Amino acid sequence: MTDLLSYETDLRSRGERRVLACLLRRNESICHCSWLMPHHFSSDQDGMIFAAIRSLMAQGRVADIETVFDYLHSTFPRYHASSAYLLALDDLEVHTSHCGHYAAVMRDGERS
């Protein structure tokens, strides 16, 4: 499944995917990157996934692969959210305590 993620290898894209992987595993990791907004993501798909995570959390719901996938399909029926992509995010080796570092990598990649 990680082949779905191999097309972008720059630090910023890798940081984005790792932030999402952390948040999907442990929603509380948002405290390490609370400043982050959907428009900070270079990929529309990653920004939409992040927006779905934040929205579900704001509703007091758990944001995991299943709920994010369902949320995207019910809220944006024309938007194609790939379950394979979400599963590939889940396969990434990340530590949720490093979410802030991954977000900083994203931010620093934005400036270069």
PDB file of N, CA and C in Angstrom:
ATOM      1  N   MET A   1       0.799  -1.200   0.000  1.00  0.00           N
ATOM      2  CA  MET A   1       0.000   0.000   0.000  1.00  0.00           C
ATOM      3  C   MET A   1       0.844   1.267   0.000  1.00  0.00           C
ATOM      4  N   THR A   2       2.047   1.198   0.505  1.00  0.00           N
ATOM      5  CA  THR A   2       2.853   2.406   0.562  1.00  0.00           C
ATOM      6  C   THR A   2       3.227   2.907  -0.826  1.00  0.00           C
ATOM      7  N   ASP A   3       3.034   2.083  -1.868  1.00  0.00           N
ATOM      8  CA  ASP A   3       3.287   2.538  -3.237  1.00  0.00           C
ATOM      9  C   ASP A   3       2.407   3.729  -3.591  1.00  0.00           C
ATOM     10  N   LEU A   4       1.237   3.799  -2.996  1.00  0.00           N
ATOM     11  CA  LEU A   4       0.340   4.926  -3.248  1.00  0.00           C
ATOM     12  C   LEU A   4       0.946   6.230  -2.751  1.00  0.00           C
ATOM     13  N   LEU A   5       1.885   6.143  -1.835  1.00  0.00           N
ATOM     14  CA  LEU A   5       2.467   7.330  -1.243  1.00  0.00           C
ATOM     15  C   LEU A   5       3.847   7.652  -1.791  1.00  0.00           C
ATOM     16  N   SER A   6       4.385   6.839  -2.657  1.00  0.00           N
ATOM     17  CA  SER A   6       5.766   7.003  -3.086  1.00  0.00           C
ATOM     18  C   SER A   6       5.953   8.070  -4.159  1.00  0.00           C
ATOM     19  N   TYR A   7       4.879   8.583  -4.721  1.00  0.00           N
ATOM     20  CA  TYR A   7       5.015   9.545  -5.806  1.00  0.00           C
ATOM     21  C   TYR A   7       5.516  10.898  -5.343  1.00  0.00           C
ATOM     22  N   GLU A   8       5.352  11.230  -4.093  1.00  0.00           N
ATOM     23  CA  GLU A   8       5.838  12.501  -3.574  1.00  0.00           C
ATOM     24  C   GLU A   8       6.843  12.216  -2.469  1.00  0.00           C
ATOM     25  N   THR A   9       8.076  12.613  -2.697  1.00  0.00           N
ATOM     26  CA  THR A   9       9.104  12.299  -1.722  1.00  0.00           C
ATOM     27  C   THR A   9       9.706  13.537  -1.079  1.00  0.00           C
ATOM     28  N   ASP A  10       9.235  14.729  -1.429  1.00  0.00           N
ATOM     29  CA  ASP A  10       9.790  15.923  -0.807  1.00  0.00           C
ATOM     30  C   ASP A  10       9.390  15.962   0.671  1.00  0.00           C
ATOM     31  N   LEU A  11      10.164  16.665   1.461  1.00  0.00           N
ATOM     32  CA  LEU A  11       9.951  16.700   2.911  1.00  0.00           C
ATOM     33  C   LEU A  11       8.569  17.209   3.296  1.00  0.00           C
ATOM     34  N   ARG A  12       8.102  18.212   2.587  1.00  0.00           N
ATOM     35  CA  ARG A  12       6.794  18.780   2.927  1.00  0.00           C
ATOM     36  C   ARG A  12       5.678  17.750   2.749  1.00  0.00           C
ATOM     37  N   SER A  13       5.669  17.072   1.616  1.00  0.00           N
ATOM     38  CA  SER A  13       4.630  16.067   1.366  1.00  0.00           C
ATOM     39  C   SER A  13       4.718  14.929   2.372  1.00  0.00           C
ATOM     40  N   ARG A  14       5.935  14.514   2.676  1.00  0.00           N
ATOM     41  CA  ARG A  14       6.108  13.456   3.670  1.00  0.00           C
ATOM     42  C   ARG A  14       5.626  13.925   5.035  1.00  0.00           C
ATOM     43  N   GLY A  15       5.900  15.185   5.382  1.00  0.00           N
ATOM     44  CA  GLY A  15       5.417  15.737   6.641  1.00  0.00           C
ATOM     45  C   GLY A  15       3.900  15.761   6.702  1.00  0.00           C
ATOM     46  N   GLU A  16       3.265  16.149   5.608  1.00  0.00           N
ATOM     47  CA  GLU A  16       1.800  16.188   5.546  1.00  0.00           C
ATOM     48  C   GLU A  16       1.207  14.818   5.822  1.00  0.00           C
ATOM     49  N   ARG A  17       1.732  13.828   5.142  1.00  0.00           N
ATOM     50  CA  ARG A  17       1.195  12.473   5.306  1.00  0.00           C
ATOM     51  C   ARG A  17       1.410  11.960   6.727  1.00  0.00           C
ATOM     52  N   ARG A  18       2.545  12.302   7.303  1.00  0.00           N
ATOM     53  CA  ARG A  18       2.824  11.850   8.662  1.00  0.00           C
ATOM     54  C   ARG A  18       1.922  12.550   9.686  1.00  0.00           C
ATOM     55  N   VAL A  19       1.626  13.814   9.476  1.00  0.00           N
ATOM     56  CA  VAL A  19       0.681  14.507  10.355  1.00  0.00           C
ATOM     57  C   VAL A  19      -0.675  13.805  10.306  1.00  0.00           C
ATOM     58  N   LEU A  20      -1.140  13.515   9.106  1.00  0.00           N
ATOM     59  CA  LEU A  20      -2.440  12.846   8.960  1.00  0.00           C
ATOM     60  C   LEU A  20      -2.423  11.469   9.610  1.00  0.00           C
ATOM     61  N   ALA A  21      -1.335  10.725   9.424  1.00  0.00           N
ATOM     62  CA  ALA A  21      -1.227   9.391  10.019  1.00  0.00           C
ATOM     63  C   ALA A  21      -1.300   9.481  11.542  1.00  0.00           C
ATOM     64  N   CYS A  22      -0.612  10.461  12.109  1.00  0.00           N
ATOM     65  CA  CYS A  22      -0.656  10.653  13.569  1.00  0.00           C
ATOM     66  C   CYS A  22      -2.071  10.955  14.041  1.00  0.00           C
ATOM     67  N   LEU A  23      -2.726  11.869  13.350  1.00  0.00           N
ATOM     68  CA  LEU A  23      -4.068  12.282  13.766  1.00  0.00           C
ATOM     69  C   LEU A  23      -5.088  11.161  13.626  1.00  0.00           C
ATOM     70  N   LEU A  24      -4.933  10.341  12.595  1.00  0.00           N
ATOM     71  CA  LEU A  24      -5.852   9.224  12.416  1.00  0.00           C
ATOM     72  C   LEU A  24      -5.647   8.164  13.496  1.00  0.00           C
ATOM     73  N   ARG A  25      -4.442   8.045  14.005  1.00  0.00           N
ATOM     74  CA  ARG A  25      -4.159   7.079  15.067  1.00  0.00           C
ATOM     75  C   ARG A  25      -4.546   7.594  16.440  1.00  0.00           C
ATOM     76  N   ARG A  26      -4.267   8.868  16.654  1.00  0.00           N
ATOM     77  CA  ARG A  26      -4.524   9.449  17.984  1.00  0.00           C
ATOM     78  C   ARG A  26      -4.956  10.897  17.790  1.00  0.00           C
ATOM     79  N   ASN A  27      -6.249  11.118  17.845  1.00  0.00           N
ATOM     80  CA  ASN A  27      -6.800  12.449  17.591  1.00  0.00           C
ATOM     81  C   ASN A  27      -6.225  13.513  18.513  1.00  0.00           C
ATOM     82  N   GLU A  28      -5.852  13.137  19.714  1.00  0.00           N
ATOM     83  CA  GLU A  28      -5.320  14.096  20.683  1.00  0.00           C
ATOM     84  C   GLU A  28      -3.993  14.702  20.218  1.00  0.00           C
ATOM     85  N   SER A  29      -3.371  14.113  19.225  1.00  0.00           N
ATOM     86  CA  SER A  29      -2.108  14.644  18.694  1.00  0.00           C
ATOM     87  C   SER A  29      -2.284  16.026  18.084  1.00  0.00           C
ATOM     88  N   ILE A  30      -3.512  16.443  17.878  1.00  0.00           N
ATOM     89  CA  ILE A  30      -3.782  17.770  17.323  1.00  0.00           C
ATOM     90  C   ILE A  30      -3.198  18.859  18.228  1.00  0.00           C
ATOM     91  N   CYS A  31      -3.023  18.555  19.505  1.00  0.00           N
ATOM     92  CA  CYS A  31      -2.475  19.557  20.420  1.00  0.00           C
ATOM     93  C   CYS A  31      -1.047  19.946  20.031  1.00  0.00           C
ATOM     94  N   HIS A  32      -0.356  19.109  19.277  1.00  0.00           N
ATOM     95  CA  HIS A  32       1.009  19.392  18.839  1.00  0.00           C
ATOM     96  C   HIS A  32       1.053  20.251  17.573  1.00  0.00           C
ATOM     97  N   CYS A  33      -0.100  20.433  16.946  1.00  0.00           N
ATOM     98  CA  CYS A  33      -0.134  21.222  15.699  1.00  0.00           C
ATOM     99  C   CYS A  33      -1.475  21.938  15.573  1.00  0.00           C
ATOM    100  N   SER A  34      -1.922  22.528  16.666  1.00  0.00           N
ATOM    101  CA  SER A  34      -3.251  23.157  16.680  1.00  0.00           C
ATOM    102  C   SER A  34      -3.350  24.353  15.736  1.00  0.00           C
ATOM    103  N   TRP A  35      -2.234  24.914  15.331  1.00  0.00           N
ATOM    104  CA  TRP A  35      -2.193  26.054  14.410  1.00  0.00           C
ATOM    105  C   TRP A  35      -2.454  25.640  12.964  1.00  0.00           C
ATOM    106  N   LEU A  36      -2.349  24.362  12.692  1.00  0.00           N
ATOM    107  CA  LEU A  36      -2.446  23.854  11.326  1.00  0.00           C
ATOM    108  C   LEU A  36      -3.874  23.962  10.795  1.00  0.00           C
ATOM    109  N   MET A  37      -3.991  24.378   9.539  1.00  0.00           N
ATOM    110  CA  MET A  37      -5.292  24.514   8.881  1.00  0.00           C
ATOM    111  C   MET A  37      -5.248  23.773   7.546  1.00  0.00           C
ATOM    112  N   PRO A  38      -6.407  23.440   6.977  1.00  0.00           N
ATOM    113  CA  PRO A  38      -6.429  22.701   5.708  1.00  0.00           C
ATOM    114  C   PRO A  38      -5.647  23.388   4.579  1.00  0.00           C
ATOM    115  N   HIS A  39      -5.625  24.717   4.546  1.00  0.00           N
ATOM    116  CA  HIS A  39      -4.934  25.398   3.450  1.00  0.00           C
ATOM    117  C   HIS A  39      -3.408  25.296   3.557  1.00  0.00           C
ATOM    118  N   HIS A  40      -2.895  24.795   4.674  1.00  0.00           N
ATOM    119  CA  HIS A  40      -1.454  24.597   4.814  1.00  0.00           C
ATOM    120  C   HIS A  40      -0.960  23.378   4.045  1.00  0.00           C
ATOM    121  N   PHE A  41      -1.873  22.524   3.602  1.00  0.00           N
ATOM    122  CA  PHE A  41      -1.502  21.300   2.897  1.00  0.00           C
ATOM    123  C   PHE A  41      -1.337  21.584   1.410  1.00  0.00           C
ATOM    124  N   SER A  42      -0.265  21.056   0.827  1.00  0.00           N
ATOM    125  CA  SER A  42      -0.011  21.292  -0.599  1.00  0.00           C
ATOM    126  C   SER A  42      -0.909  20.419  -1.472  1.00  0.00           C
ATOM    127  N   SER A  43      -1.359  19.319  -0.945  1.00  0.00           N
ATOM    128  CA  SER A  43      -2.228  18.400  -1.676  1.00  0.00           C
ATOM    129  C   SER A  43      -3.677  18.650  -1.259  1.00  0.00           C
ATOM    130  N   ASP A  44      -4.551  18.846  -2.245  1.00  0.00           N
ATOM    131  CA  ASP A  44      -5.970  19.045  -1.940  1.00  0.00           C
ATOM    132  C   ASP A  44      -6.540  17.862  -1.160  1.00  0.00           C
ATOM    133  N   GLN A  45      -6.138  16.661  -1.561  1.00  0.00           N
ATOM    134  CA  GLN A  45      -6.640  15.464  -0.888  1.00  0.00           C
ATOM    135  C   GLN A  45      -6.240  15.464   0.587  1.00  0.00           C
ATOM    136  N   ASP A  46      -4.987  15.792   0.885  1.00  0.00           N
ATOM    137  CA  ASP A  46      -4.542  15.824   2.273  1.00  0.00           C
ATOM    138  C   ASP A  46      -5.251  16.926   3.053  1.00  0.00           C
ATOM    139  N   GLY A  47      -5.471  18.066   2.419  1.00  0.00           N
ATOM    140  CA  GLY A  47      -6.199  19.157   3.071  1.00  0.00           C
ATOM    141  C   GLY A  47      -7.630  18.772   3.394  1.00  0.00           C
ATOM    142  N   MET A  48      -8.281  18.059   2.482  1.00  0.00           N
ATOM    143  CA  MET A  48      -9.659  17.615   2.718  1.00  0.00           C
ATOM    144  C   MET A  48      -9.710  16.584   3.849  1.00  0.00           C
ATOM    145  N   ILE A  49      -8.740  15.692   3.880  1.00  0.00           N
ATOM    146  CA  ILE A  49      -8.689  14.696   4.954  1.00  0.00           C
ATOM    147  C   ILE A  49      -8.491  15.403   6.295  1.00  0.00           C
ATOM    148  N   PHE A  50      -7.583  16.373   6.313  1.00  0.00           N
ATOM    149  CA  PHE A  50      -7.349  17.123   7.546  1.00  0.00           C
ATOM    150  C   PHE A  50      -8.615  17.875   7.977  1.00  0.00           C
ATOM    151  N   ALA A  51      -9.294  18.491   7.039  1.00  0.00           N
ATOM    152  CA  ALA A  51     -10.543  19.206   7.350  1.00  0.00           C
ATOM    153  C   ALA A  51     -11.586  18.245   7.919  1.00  0.00           C
ATOM    154  N   ALA A  52     -11.655  17.052   7.370  1.00  0.00           N
ATOM    155  CA  ALA A  52     -12.604  16.053   7.871  1.00  0.00           C
ATOM    156  C   ALA A  52     -12.250  15.644   9.295  1.00  0.00           C
ATOM    157  N   ILE A  53     -10.967  15.459   9.561  1.00  0.00           N
ATOM    158  CA  ILE A  53     -10.526  15.096  10.911  1.00  0.00           C
ATOM    159  C   ILE A  53     -10.922  16.187  11.902  1.00  0.00           C
ATOM    160  N   ARG A  54     -10.629  17.432  11.557  1.00  0.00           N
ATOM    161  CA  ARG A  54     -10.958  18.549  12.466  1.00  0.00           C
ATOM    162  C   ARG A  54     -12.465  18.664  12.677  1.00  0.00           C
ATOM    163  N   SER A  55     -13.234  18.485  11.619  1.00  0.00           N
ATOM    164  CA  SER A  55     -14.685  18.593  11.726  1.00  0.00           C
ATOM    165  C   SER A  55     -15.255  17.495  12.620  1.00  0.00           C
ATOM    166  N   LEU A  56     -14.795  16.281  12.427  1.00  0.00           N
ATOM    167  CA  LEU A  56     -15.270  15.177  13.259  1.00  0.00           C
ATOM    168  C   LEU A  56     -14.908  15.411  14.722  1.00  0.00           C
ATOM    169  N   MET A  57     -13.702  15.875  14.964  1.00  0.00           N
ATOM    170  CA  MET A  57     -13.278  16.154  16.332  1.00  0.00           C
ATOM    171  C   MET A  57     -14.118  17.274  16.950  1.00  0.00           C
ATOM    172  N   ALA A  58     -14.441  18.288  16.167  1.00  0.00           N
ATOM    173  CA  ALA A  58     -15.270  19.390  16.655  1.00  0.00           C
ATOM    174  C   ALA A  58     -16.667  18.914  17.046  1.00  0.00           C
ATOM    175  N   GLN A  59     -17.124  17.841  16.401  1.00  0.00           N
ATOM    176  CA  GLN A  59     -18.424  17.256  16.716  1.00  0.00           C
ATOM    177  C   GLN A  59     -18.348  16.279  17.888  1.00  0.00           C
ATOM    178  N   GLY A  60     -17.140  16.100  18.426  1.00  0.00           N
ATOM    179  CA  GLY A  60     -16.952  15.173  19.537  1.00  0.00           C
ATOM    180  C   GLY A  60     -16.881  13.723  19.108  1.00  0.00           C
ATOM    181  N   ARG A  61     -16.649  13.511  17.827  1.00  0.00           N
ATOM    182  CA  ARG A  61     -16.564  12.153  17.285  1.00  0.00           C
ATOM    183  C   ARG A  61     -15.110  11.748  17.089  1.00  0.00           C
ATOM    184  N   VAL A  62     -14.869  10.461  17.054  1.00  0.00           N
ATOM    185  CA  VAL A  62     -13.535   9.939  16.785  1.00  0.00           C
ATOM    186  C   VAL A  62     -13.274  10.048  15.289  1.00  0.00           C
ATOM    187  N   ALA A  63     -12.089  10.522  14.936  1.00  0.00           N
ATOM    188  CA  ALA A  63     -11.698  10.621  13.528  1.00  0.00           C
ATOM    189  C   ALA A  63     -10.696   9.511  13.243  1.00  0.00           C
ATOM    190  N   ASP A  64     -11.182   8.436  12.660  1.00  0.00           N
ATOM    191  CA  ASP A  64     -10.307   7.346  12.249  1.00  0.00           C
ATOM    192  C   ASP A  64     -10.535   7.093  10.760  1.00  0.00           C
ATOM    193  N   ILE A  65      -9.895   6.092  10.226  1.00  0.00           N
ATOM    194  CA  ILE A  65      -9.991   5.844   8.783  1.00  0.00           C
ATOM    195  C   ILE A  65     -11.442   5.698   8.335  1.00  0.00           C
ATOM    196  N   GLU A  66     -12.197   4.910   9.058  1.00  0.00           N
ATOM    197  CA  GLU A  66     -13.587   4.650   8.668  1.00  0.00           C
ATOM    198  C   GLU A  66     -14.453   5.901   8.751  1.00  0.00           C
ATOM    199  N   THR A  67     -14.370   6.631   9.860  1.00  0.00           N
ATOM    200  CA  THR A  67     -15.236   7.802  10.024  1.00  0.00           C
ATOM    201  C   THR A  67     -14.842   8.932   9.073  1.00  0.00           C
ATOM    202  N   VAL A  68     -13.537   9.081   8.814  1.00  0.00           N
ATOM    203  CA  VAL A  68     -13.091  10.109   7.864  1.00  0.00           C
ATOM    204  C   VAL A  68     -13.569   9.766   6.463  1.00  0.00           C
ATOM    205  N   PHE A  69     -13.424   8.507   6.064  1.00  0.00           N
ATOM    206  CA  PHE A  69     -13.885   8.070   4.747  1.00  0.00           C
ATOM    207  C   PHE A  69     -15.389   8.317   4.600  1.00  0.00           C
ATOM    208  N   ASP A  70     -16.166   7.907   5.607  1.00  0.00           N
ATOM    209  CA  ASP A  70     -17.620   8.102   5.567  1.00  0.00           C
ATOM    210  C   ASP A  70     -17.980   9.589   5.541  1.00  0.00           C
ATOM    211  N   TYR A  71     -17.282  10.389   6.345  1.00  0.00           N
ATOM    212  CA  TYR A  71     -17.547  11.825   6.396  1.00  0.00           C
ATOM    213  C   TYR A  71     -17.306  12.472   5.034  1.00  0.00           C
ATOM    214  N   LEU A  72     -16.181  12.141   4.416  1.00  0.00           N
ATOM    215  CA  LEU A  72     -15.861  12.729   3.111  1.00  0.00           C
ATOM    216  C   LEU A  72     -16.895  12.340   2.060  1.00  0.00           C
ATOM    217  N   HIS A  73     -17.307  11.086   2.084  1.00  0.00           N
ATOM    218  CA  HIS A  73     -18.286  10.640   1.080  1.00  0.00           C
ATOM    219  C   HIS A  73     -19.676  11.211   1.315  1.00  0.00           C
ATOM    220  N   SER A  74     -20.045  11.436   2.567  1.00  0.00           N
ATOM    221  CA  SER A  74     -21.373  11.991   2.809  1.00  0.00           C
ATOM    222  C   SER A  74     -21.394  13.510   2.659  1.00  0.00           C
ATOM    223  N   THR A  75     -20.306  14.178   3.004  1.00  0.00           N
ATOM    224  CA  THR A  75     -20.258  15.629   2.945  1.00  0.00           C
ATOM    225  C   THR A  75     -19.896  16.139   1.559  1.00  0.00           C
ATOM    226  N   PHE A  76     -18.994  15.442   0.902  1.00  0.00           N
ATOM    227  CA  PHE A  76     -18.530  15.836  -0.432  1.00  0.00           C
ATOM    228  C   PHE A  76     -18.675  14.657  -1.390  1.00  0.00           C
ATOM    229  N   PRO A  77     -19.896  14.341  -1.809  1.00  0.00           N
ATOM    230  CA  PRO A  77     -20.117  13.132  -2.625  1.00  0.00           C
ATOM    231  C   PRO A  77     -19.366  13.128  -3.958  1.00  0.00           C
ATOM    232  N   ARG A  78     -19.029  14.290  -4.479  1.00  0.00           N
ATOM    233  CA  ARG A  78     -18.312  14.337  -5.758  1.00  0.00           C
ATOM    234  C   ARG A  78     -16.800  14.230  -5.582  1.00  0.00           C
ATOM    235  N   TYR A  79     -16.364  14.389  -4.346  1.00  0.00           N
ATOM    236  CA  TYR A  79     -14.936  14.309  -4.060  1.00  0.00           C
ATOM    237  C   TYR A  79     -14.551  12.844  -3.920  1.00  0.00           C
ATOM    238  N   HIS A  80     -13.503  12.445  -4.610  1.00  0.00           N
ATOM    239  CA  HIS A  80     -13.080  11.054  -4.550  1.00  0.00           C
ATOM    240  C   HIS A  80     -12.036  10.879  -3.450  1.00  0.00           C
ATOM    241  N   ALA A  81     -12.452  10.297  -2.358  1.00  0.00           N
ATOM    242  CA  ALA A  81     -11.528   9.970  -1.272  1.00  0.00           C
ATOM    243  C   ALA A  81     -11.242   8.482  -1.358  1.00  0.00           C
ATOM    244  N   SER A  82     -10.012   8.156  -1.545  1.00  0.00           N
ATOM    245  CA  SER A  82      -9.619   6.769  -1.713  1.00  0.00           C
ATOM    246  C   SER A  82      -9.410   6.092  -0.366  1.00  0.00           C
ATOM    247  N   SER A  83     -10.124   5.002  -0.157  1.00  0.00           N
ATOM    248  CA  SER A  83      -9.910   4.237   1.077  1.00  0.00           C
ATOM    249  C   SER A  83      -8.507   3.643   1.079  1.00  0.00           C
ATOM    250  N   ALA A  84      -7.991   3.315  -0.098  1.00  0.00           N
ATOM    251  CA  ALA A  84      -6.631   2.770  -0.197  1.00  0.00           C
ATOM    252  C   ALA A  84      -5.606   3.800   0.283  1.00  0.00           C
ATOM    253  N   TYR A  85      -5.837   5.074  -0.033  1.00  0.00           N
ATOM    254  CA  TYR A  85      -4.921   6.126   0.414  1.00  0.00           C
ATOM    255  C   TYR A  85      -4.964   6.255   1.932  1.00  0.00           C
ATOM    256  N   LEU A  86      -6.162   6.218   2.514  1.00  0.00           N
ATOM    257  CA  LEU A  86      -6.283   6.291   3.970  1.00  0.00           C
ATOM    258  C   LEU A  86      -5.615   5.093   4.641  1.00  0.00           C
ATOM    259  N   LEU A  87      -5.765   3.922   4.047  1.00  0.00           N
ATOM    260  CA  LEU A  87      -5.111   2.736   4.596  1.00  0.00           C
ATOM    261  C   LEU A  87      -3.593   2.840   4.468  1.00  0.00           C
ATOM    262  N   ALA A  88      -3.119   3.435   3.377  1.00  0.00           N
ATOM    263  CA  ALA A  88      -1.683   3.636   3.208  1.00  0.00           C
ATOM    264  C   ALA A  88      -1.147   4.603   4.264  1.00  0.00           C
ATOM    265  N   LEU A  89      -1.933   5.618   4.607  1.00  0.00           N
ATOM    266  CA  LEU A  89      -1.528   6.522   5.686  1.00  0.00           C
ATOM    267  C   LEU A  89      -1.386   5.751   6.994  1.00  0.00           C
ATOM    268  N   ASP A  90      -2.293   4.824   7.218  1.00  0.00           N
ATOM    269  CA  ASP A  90      -2.260   4.029   8.439  1.00  0.00           C
ATOM    270  C   ASP A  90      -1.032   3.125   8.495  1.00  0.00           C
ATOM    271  N   ASP A  91      -0.498   2.766   7.338  1.00  0.00           N
ATOM    272  CA  ASP A  91       0.683   1.892   7.272  1.00  0.00           C
ATOM    273  C   ASP A  91       1.994   2.627   7.539  1.00  0.00           C
ATOM    274  N   LEU A  92       1.962   3.967   7.509  1.00  0.00           N
ATOM    275  CA  LEU A  92       3.190   4.725   7.733  1.00  0.00           C
ATOM    276  C   LEU A  92       3.701   4.503   9.153  1.00  0.00           C
ATOM    277  N   GLU A  93       5.013   4.435   9.272  1.00  0.00           N
ATOM    278  CA  GLU A  93       5.620   4.317  10.602  1.00  0.00           C
ATOM    279  C   GLU A  93       5.798   5.718  11.166  1.00  0.00           C
ATOM    280  N   VAL A  94       4.961   6.055  12.133  1.00  0.00           N
ATOM    281  CA  VAL A  94       5.021   7.361  12.778  1.00  0.00           C
ATOM    282  C   VAL A  94       4.852   7.175  14.282  1.00  0.00           C
ATOM    283  N   HIS A  95       5.312   8.165  15.011  1.00  0.00           N
ATOM    284  CA  HIS A  95       5.084   8.224  16.450  1.00  0.00           C
ATOM    285  C   HIS A  95       4.181   9.422  16.687  1.00  0.00           C
ATOM    286  N   THR A  96       3.054   9.196  17.302  1.00  0.00           N
ATOM    287  CA  THR A  96       2.090  10.281  17.472  1.00  0.00           C
ATOM    288  C   THR A  96       2.663  11.435  18.295  1.00  0.00           C
ATOM    289  N   SER A  97       3.622  11.148  19.135  1.00  0.00           N
ATOM    290  CA  SER A  97       4.234  12.217  19.932  1.00  0.00           C
ATOM    291  C   SER A  97       5.102  13.138  19.080  1.00  0.00           C
ATOM    292  N   HIS A  98       5.389  12.734  17.849  1.00  0.00           N
ATOM    293  CA  HIS A  98       6.206  13.544  16.935  1.00  0.00           C
ATOM    294  C   HIS A  98       5.364  14.370  15.963  1.00  0.00           C
ATOM    295  N   CYS A  99       4.079  14.419  16.175  1.00  0.00           N
ATOM    296  CA  CYS A  99       3.179  15.126  15.266  1.00  0.00           C
ATOM    297  C   CYS A  99       3.591  16.583  15.069  1.00  0.00           C
ATOM    298  N   GLY A 100       4.007  17.243  16.137  1.00  0.00           N
ATOM    299  CA  GLY A 100       4.454  18.629  16.038  1.00  0.00           C
ATOM    300  C   GLY A 100       5.683  18.772  15.159  1.00  0.00           C
ATOM    301  N   HIS A 101       6.584  17.817  15.247  1.00  0.00           N
ATOM    302  CA  HIS A 101       7.782  17.831  14.393  1.00  0.00           C
ATOM    303  C   HIS A 101       7.387  17.671  12.925  1.00  0.00           C
ATOM    304  N   TYR A 102       6.494  16.726  12.651  1.00  0.00           N
ATOM    305  CA  TYR A 102       6.047  16.518  11.271  1.00  0.00           C
ATOM    306  C   TYR A 102       5.376  17.776  10.722  1.00  0.00           C
ATOM    307  N   ALA A 103       4.596  18.447  11.560  1.00  0.00           N
ATOM    308  CA  ALA A 103       3.938  19.691  11.136  1.00  0.00           C
ATOM    309  C   ALA A 103       4.972  20.781  10.873  1.00  0.00           C
ATOM    310  N   ALA A 104       6.032  20.826  11.685  1.00  0.00           N
ATOM    311  CA  ALA A 104       7.099  21.811  11.471  1.00  0.00           C
ATOM    312  C   ALA A 104       7.828  21.539  10.160  1.00  0.00           C
ATOM    313  N   VAL A 105       8.021  20.281   9.831  1.00  0.00           N
ATOM    314  CA  VAL A 105       8.640  19.913   8.555  1.00  0.00           C
ATOM    315  C   VAL A 105       7.760  20.400   7.410  1.00  0.00           C
ATOM    316  N   MET A 106       6.458  20.239   7.586  1.00  0.00           N
ATOM    317  CA  MET A 106       5.495  20.735   6.592  1.00  0.00           C
ATOM    318  C   MET A 106       5.633  22.235   6.418  1.00  0.00           C
ATOM    319  N   ARG A 107       5.636  22.949   7.536  1.00  0.00           N
ATOM    320  CA  ARG A 107       5.721  24.408   7.522  1.00  0.00           C
ATOM    321  C   ARG A 107       7.033  24.876   6.904  1.00  0.00           C
ATOM    322  N   ASP A 108       8.136  24.254   7.291  1.00  0.00           N
ATOM    323  CA  ASP A 108       9.441  24.658   6.775  1.00  0.00           C
ATOM    324  C   ASP A 108       9.565  24.363   5.287  1.00  0.00           C
ATOM    325  N   GLY A 109       8.942  23.283   4.832  1.00  0.00           N
ATOM    326  CA  GLY A 109       8.947  22.955   3.404  1.00  0.00           C
ATOM    327  C   GLY A 109       8.146  23.954   2.604  1.00  0.00           C
ATOM    328  N   GLU A 110       7.155  24.580   3.249  1.00  0.00           N
ATOM    329  CA  GLU A 110       6.310  25.581   2.601  1.00  0.00           C
ATOM    330  C   GLU A 110       7.121  26.848   2.280  1.00  0.00           C
ATOM    331  N   ARG A 111       8.093  27.142   3.118  1.00  0.00           N
ATOM    332  CA  ARG A 111       8.883  28.365   2.959  1.00  0.00           C
ATOM    333  C   ARG A 111       9.963  28.244   1.906  1.00  0.00           C
ATOM    334  N   SER A 112      10.388  27.036   1.610  1.00  0.00           N
ATOM    335  CA  SER A 112      11.500  26.909   0.653  1.00  0.00           C
ATOM    336  C   SER A 112      11.053  26.944  -0.782  1.00  0.00           C
TER     337      SER A 112
END
